[in-house]
Amino acid sequence: MKLVAIDRNLKAQKNAQDRIIKKGKELLKAFLRKEVYPKKLRDGYGYKMDINLDWRLFSEDLKVWLIVEHHAYNKLCGVKGTHK
């Protein structure tokens, strides 16, 4: 998984489309304005917000956010054996 820096606190997967990045930026700005709140993941893996069915906005510490595809997201949050 290759990441590209978008902003100071936002990175995106290299194959992310512009519309996905735009929606991710909007969600992050809304979070910084305290209009939306991310879901806390079990077992201390971090936080997530859904961009759409296939893409997630993921953070381990609420400081640096990643726009990742759901397969990469599953690996980051410890889910094994998905989509065989």
N, C-alpha and C. Protein backbone atom coordinates (compact mmCIF):
# COMPACT_ATOMS: atom_id res chain seq x y z
N MET A 1 0.85 -1.17 0.00
CA MET A 1 0.00 0.00 0.00
C MET A 1 0.90 1.23 0.00
N LYS A 2 0.81 2.03 -1.05
CA LYS A 2 1.60 3.26 -1.15
C LYS A 2 0.72 4.45 -0.81
N LEU A 3 1.25 5.34 0.03
CA LEU A 3 0.50 6.50 0.47
C LEU A 3 1.11 7.77 -0.12
N VAL A 4 0.24 8.74 -0.39
CA VAL A 4 0.64 10.04 -0.91
C VAL A 4 0.14 11.09 0.06
N ALA A 5 0.99 12.05 0.41
CA ALA A 5 0.59 13.12 1.32
C ALA A 5 -0.33 14.10 0.60
N ILE A 6 -1.48 14.38 1.18
CA ILE A 6 -2.44 15.33 0.62
C ILE A 6 -2.35 16.66 1.36
N ASP A 7 -2.45 16.61 2.67
CA ASP A 7 -2.33 17.78 3.54
C ASP A 7 -1.35 17.42 4.66
N ARG A 8 -1.21 18.34 5.59
CA ARG A 8 -0.30 18.12 6.72
C ARG A 8 -0.73 16.91 7.55
N ASN A 9 -2.02 16.72 7.71
CA ASN A 9 -2.52 15.63 8.56
C ASN A 9 -3.37 14.62 7.78
N LEU A 10 -3.19 14.56 6.45
CA LEU A 10 -3.99 13.66 5.63
C LEU A 10 -3.13 12.99 4.57
N LYS A 11 -3.22 11.66 4.51
CA LYS A 11 -2.53 10.89 3.48
C LYS A 11 -3.57 10.02 2.78
N ALA A 12 -3.31 9.73 1.50
CA ALA A 12 -4.25 8.91 0.74
C ALA A 12 -3.51 7.78 0.05
N GLN A 13 -4.21 6.69 -0.16
CA GLN A 13 -3.67 5.60 -0.93
C GLN A 13 -3.45 6.09 -2.35
N LYS A 14 -2.39 5.61 -2.99
CA LYS A 14 -1.98 6.15 -4.29
C LYS A 14 -3.06 6.01 -5.36
N ASN A 15 -3.88 4.96 -5.29
CA ASN A 15 -4.90 4.74 -6.32
C ASN A 15 -6.25 5.38 -5.98
N ALA A 16 -6.28 6.26 -4.99
CA ALA A 16 -7.54 6.93 -4.62
C ALA A 16 -7.93 7.95 -5.68
N GLN A 17 -9.20 7.96 -6.04
CA GLN A 17 -9.70 8.89 -7.05
C GLN A 17 -9.92 10.26 -6.43
N ASP A 18 -9.99 11.28 -7.28
CA ASP A 18 -10.15 12.66 -6.81
C ASP A 18 -11.43 12.85 -6.00
N ARG A 19 -12.53 12.21 -6.43
CA ARG A 19 -13.79 12.38 -5.71
C ARG A 19 -13.72 11.77 -4.31
N ILE A 20 -12.95 10.70 -4.15
CA ILE A 20 -12.77 10.07 -2.84
C ILE A 20 -11.95 10.99 -1.94
N ILE A 21 -10.89 11.56 -2.49
CA ILE A 21 -10.04 12.48 -1.73
C ILE A 21 -10.84 13.71 -1.30
N LYS A 22 -11.66 14.23 -2.22
CA LYS A 22 -12.47 15.41 -1.91
C LYS A 22 -13.44 15.13 -0.76
N LYS A 23 -14.11 13.97 -0.81
CA LYS A 23 -15.05 13.62 0.25
C LYS A 23 -14.33 13.38 1.57
N GLY A 24 -13.14 12.78 1.50
CA GLY A 24 -12.34 12.56 2.70
C GLY A 24 -11.92 13.88 3.35
N LYS A 25 -11.54 14.85 2.52
CA LYS A 25 -11.18 16.18 3.04
C LYS A 25 -12.38 16.84 3.71
N GLU A 26 -13.56 16.70 3.10
CA GLU A 26 -14.78 17.28 3.68
C GLU A 26 -15.08 16.66 5.04
N LEU A 27 -14.95 15.33 5.14
CA LEU A 27 -15.19 14.65 6.42
C LEU A 27 -14.19 15.10 7.48
N LEU A 28 -12.93 15.25 7.08
CA LEU A 28 -11.91 15.67 8.03
C LEU A 28 -12.15 17.10 8.51
N LYS A 29 -12.54 17.99 7.61
CA LYS A 29 -12.85 19.37 8.00
C LYS A 29 -14.05 19.41 8.94
N ALA A 30 -15.06 18.58 8.65
CA ALA A 30 -16.24 18.52 9.53
C ALA A 30 -15.85 17.98 10.91
N PHE A 31 -14.93 17.02 10.95
CA PHE A 31 -14.46 16.50 12.23
C PHE A 31 -13.71 17.58 13.02
N LEU A 32 -12.88 18.36 12.33
CA LEU A 32 -12.12 19.42 13.01
C LEU A 32 -13.04 20.52 13.53
N ARG A 33 -14.21 20.71 12.87
CA ARG A 33 -15.21 21.68 13.35
C ARG A 33 -16.14 21.06 14.39
N LYS A 34 -15.92 19.78 14.72
CA LYS A 34 -16.72 19.02 15.69
C LYS A 34 -18.17 18.85 15.26
N GLU A 35 -18.37 18.66 13.94
CA GLU A 35 -19.71 18.41 13.41
C GLU A 35 -19.98 16.92 13.25
N VAL A 36 -18.93 16.15 13.00
CA VAL A 36 -19.06 14.69 12.91
C VAL A 36 -18.01 14.07 13.82
N TYR A 37 -18.28 12.83 14.24
CA TYR A 37 -17.36 12.15 15.14
C TYR A 37 -17.05 10.77 14.57
N PRO A 38 -15.79 10.35 14.62
CA PRO A 38 -15.43 9.03 14.10
C PRO A 38 -15.86 7.92 15.04
N LYS A 39 -15.98 6.73 14.48
CA LYS A 39 -16.32 5.55 15.28
C LYS A 39 -15.03 5.00 15.88
N LYS A 40 -15.04 4.73 17.16
CA LYS A 40 -13.88 4.15 17.83
C LYS A 40 -13.89 2.64 17.59
N LEU A 41 -12.77 2.10 17.13
CA LEU A 41 -12.68 0.68 16.83
C LEU A 41 -12.34 -0.11 18.09
N ARG A 42 -12.74 -1.37 18.10
CA ARG A 42 -12.47 -2.24 19.24
C ARG A 42 -10.97 -2.52 19.38
N ASP A 43 -10.57 -2.91 20.54
CA ASP A 43 -9.20 -3.35 20.84
C ASP A 43 -8.15 -2.28 20.58
N GLY A 44 -8.52 -1.02 20.58
CA GLY A 44 -7.55 0.06 20.47
C GLY A 44 -6.88 0.22 19.13
N TYR A 45 -7.54 -0.22 18.04
CA TYR A 45 -6.93 -0.10 16.72
C TYR A 45 -7.00 1.32 16.17
N GLY A 46 -7.90 2.14 16.65
CA GLY A 46 -7.97 3.51 16.16
C GLY A 46 -9.40 3.96 15.95
N TYR A 47 -9.56 4.84 14.94
CA TYR A 47 -10.85 5.45 14.64
C TYR A 47 -11.10 5.41 13.14
N LYS A 48 -12.38 5.41 12.74
CA LYS A 48 -12.71 5.38 11.32
C LYS A 48 -13.95 6.20 11.03
N MET A 49 -14.01 6.66 9.79
CA MET A 49 -15.22 7.25 9.23
C MET A 49 -15.36 6.67 7.83
N ASP A 50 -16.57 6.33 7.43
CA ASP A 50 -16.80 5.77 6.10
C ASP A 50 -16.96 6.89 5.09
N ILE A 51 -16.16 6.82 4.01
CA ILE A 51 -16.31 7.76 2.90
C ILE A 51 -17.41 7.25 1.99
N ASN A 52 -17.32 5.98 1.61
CA ASN A 52 -18.40 5.27 0.92
C ASN A 52 -18.24 3.79 1.27
N LEU A 53 -18.88 2.90 0.52
CA LEU A 53 -18.82 1.48 0.86
C LEU A 53 -17.41 0.90 0.74
N ASP A 54 -16.59 1.45 -0.15
CA ASP A 54 -15.27 0.87 -0.41
C ASP A 54 -14.10 1.62 0.22
N TRP A 55 -14.29 2.83 0.67
CA TRP A 55 -13.19 3.65 1.16
C TRP A 55 -13.45 4.11 2.59
N ARG A 56 -12.37 4.18 3.39
CA ARG A 56 -12.47 4.59 4.78
C ARG A 56 -11.47 5.71 5.07
N LEU A 57 -11.83 6.53 6.02
CA LEU A 57 -10.92 7.53 6.59
C LEU A 57 -10.51 6.95 7.94
N PHE A 58 -9.22 6.59 8.10
CA PHE A 58 -8.75 5.83 9.25
C PHE A 58 -7.64 6.59 9.97
N SER A 59 -7.65 6.54 11.29
CA SER A 59 -6.60 7.15 12.09
C SER A 59 -6.35 6.30 13.33
N GLU A 60 -5.08 6.18 13.70
CA GLU A 60 -4.75 5.47 14.94
C GLU A 60 -4.78 6.41 16.14
N ASP A 61 -4.52 7.70 15.92
CA ASP A 61 -4.36 8.61 17.05
C ASP A 61 -5.11 9.94 16.89
N LEU A 62 -5.98 10.05 15.91
CA LEU A 62 -6.76 11.25 15.62
C LEU A 62 -5.90 12.43 15.15
N LYS A 63 -4.63 12.20 14.87
CA LYS A 63 -3.75 13.27 14.40
C LYS A 63 -3.48 13.15 12.91
N VAL A 64 -3.08 11.97 12.47
CA VAL A 64 -2.81 11.72 11.05
C VAL A 64 -3.90 10.79 10.53
N TRP A 65 -4.55 11.19 9.44
CA TRP A 65 -5.65 10.42 8.87
C TRP A 65 -5.22 9.81 7.54
N LEU A 66 -5.70 8.60 7.26
CA LEU A 66 -5.40 7.89 6.02
C LEU A 66 -6.69 7.63 5.26
N ILE A 67 -6.67 7.88 3.95
CA ILE A 67 -7.77 7.48 3.08
C ILE A 67 -7.35 6.16 2.45
N VAL A 68 -8.00 5.07 2.85
CA VAL A 68 -7.60 3.74 2.39
C VAL A 68 -8.80 2.95 1.90
N GLU A 69 -8.51 2.02 1.00
CA GLU A 69 -9.52 1.10 0.48
C GLU A 69 -9.89 0.11 1.59
N HIS A 70 -11.06 -0.50 1.48
CA HIS A 70 -11.52 -1.35 2.58
C HIS A 70 -10.63 -2.57 2.82
N HIS A 71 -9.94 -3.09 1.80
CA HIS A 71 -9.03 -4.22 2.01
C HIS A 71 -7.83 -3.79 2.86
N ALA A 72 -7.25 -2.64 2.53
CA ALA A 72 -6.12 -2.11 3.31
C ALA A 72 -6.57 -1.74 4.72
N TYR A 73 -7.78 -1.21 4.83
CA TYR A 73 -8.34 -0.86 6.14
C TYR A 73 -8.46 -2.10 7.02
N ASN A 74 -8.93 -3.21 6.43
CA ASN A 74 -9.07 -4.45 7.19
C ASN A 74 -7.72 -4.92 7.74
N LYS A 75 -6.66 -4.78 6.93
CA LYS A 75 -5.33 -5.16 7.40
C LYS A 75 -4.85 -4.24 8.52
N LEU A 76 -5.14 -2.95 8.39
CA LEU A 76 -4.70 -1.98 9.41
C LEU A 76 -5.39 -2.20 10.76
N CYS A 77 -6.64 -2.65 10.72
CA CYS A 77 -7.36 -2.81 11.99
C CYS A 77 -7.43 -4.26 12.45
N GLY A 78 -6.61 -5.14 11.87
CA GLY A 78 -6.44 -6.47 12.41
C GLY A 78 -7.42 -7.53 11.97
N VAL A 79 -8.22 -7.27 10.94
CA VAL A 79 -9.16 -8.28 10.45
C VAL A 79 -8.41 -9.21 9.50
N LYS A 80 -8.54 -10.52 9.72
CA LYS A 80 -7.83 -11.47 8.87
C LYS A 80 -8.83 -12.31 8.09
N GLY A 81 -8.43 -12.75 6.90
CA GLY A 81 -9.23 -13.67 6.11
C GLY A 81 -10.45 -13.05 5.46
N THR A 82 -10.39 -11.79 5.07
CA THR A 82 -11.54 -11.15 4.44
C THR A 82 -11.43 -11.26 2.93
N HIS A 83 -12.54 -11.40 2.28
CA HIS A 83 -12.63 -11.47 0.81
C HIS A 83 -11.64 -12.45 0.21
N LYS A 84 -11.91 -13.73 0.40
CA LYS A 84 -11.00 -14.75 -0.15
C LYS A 84 -11.15 -14.85 -1.64
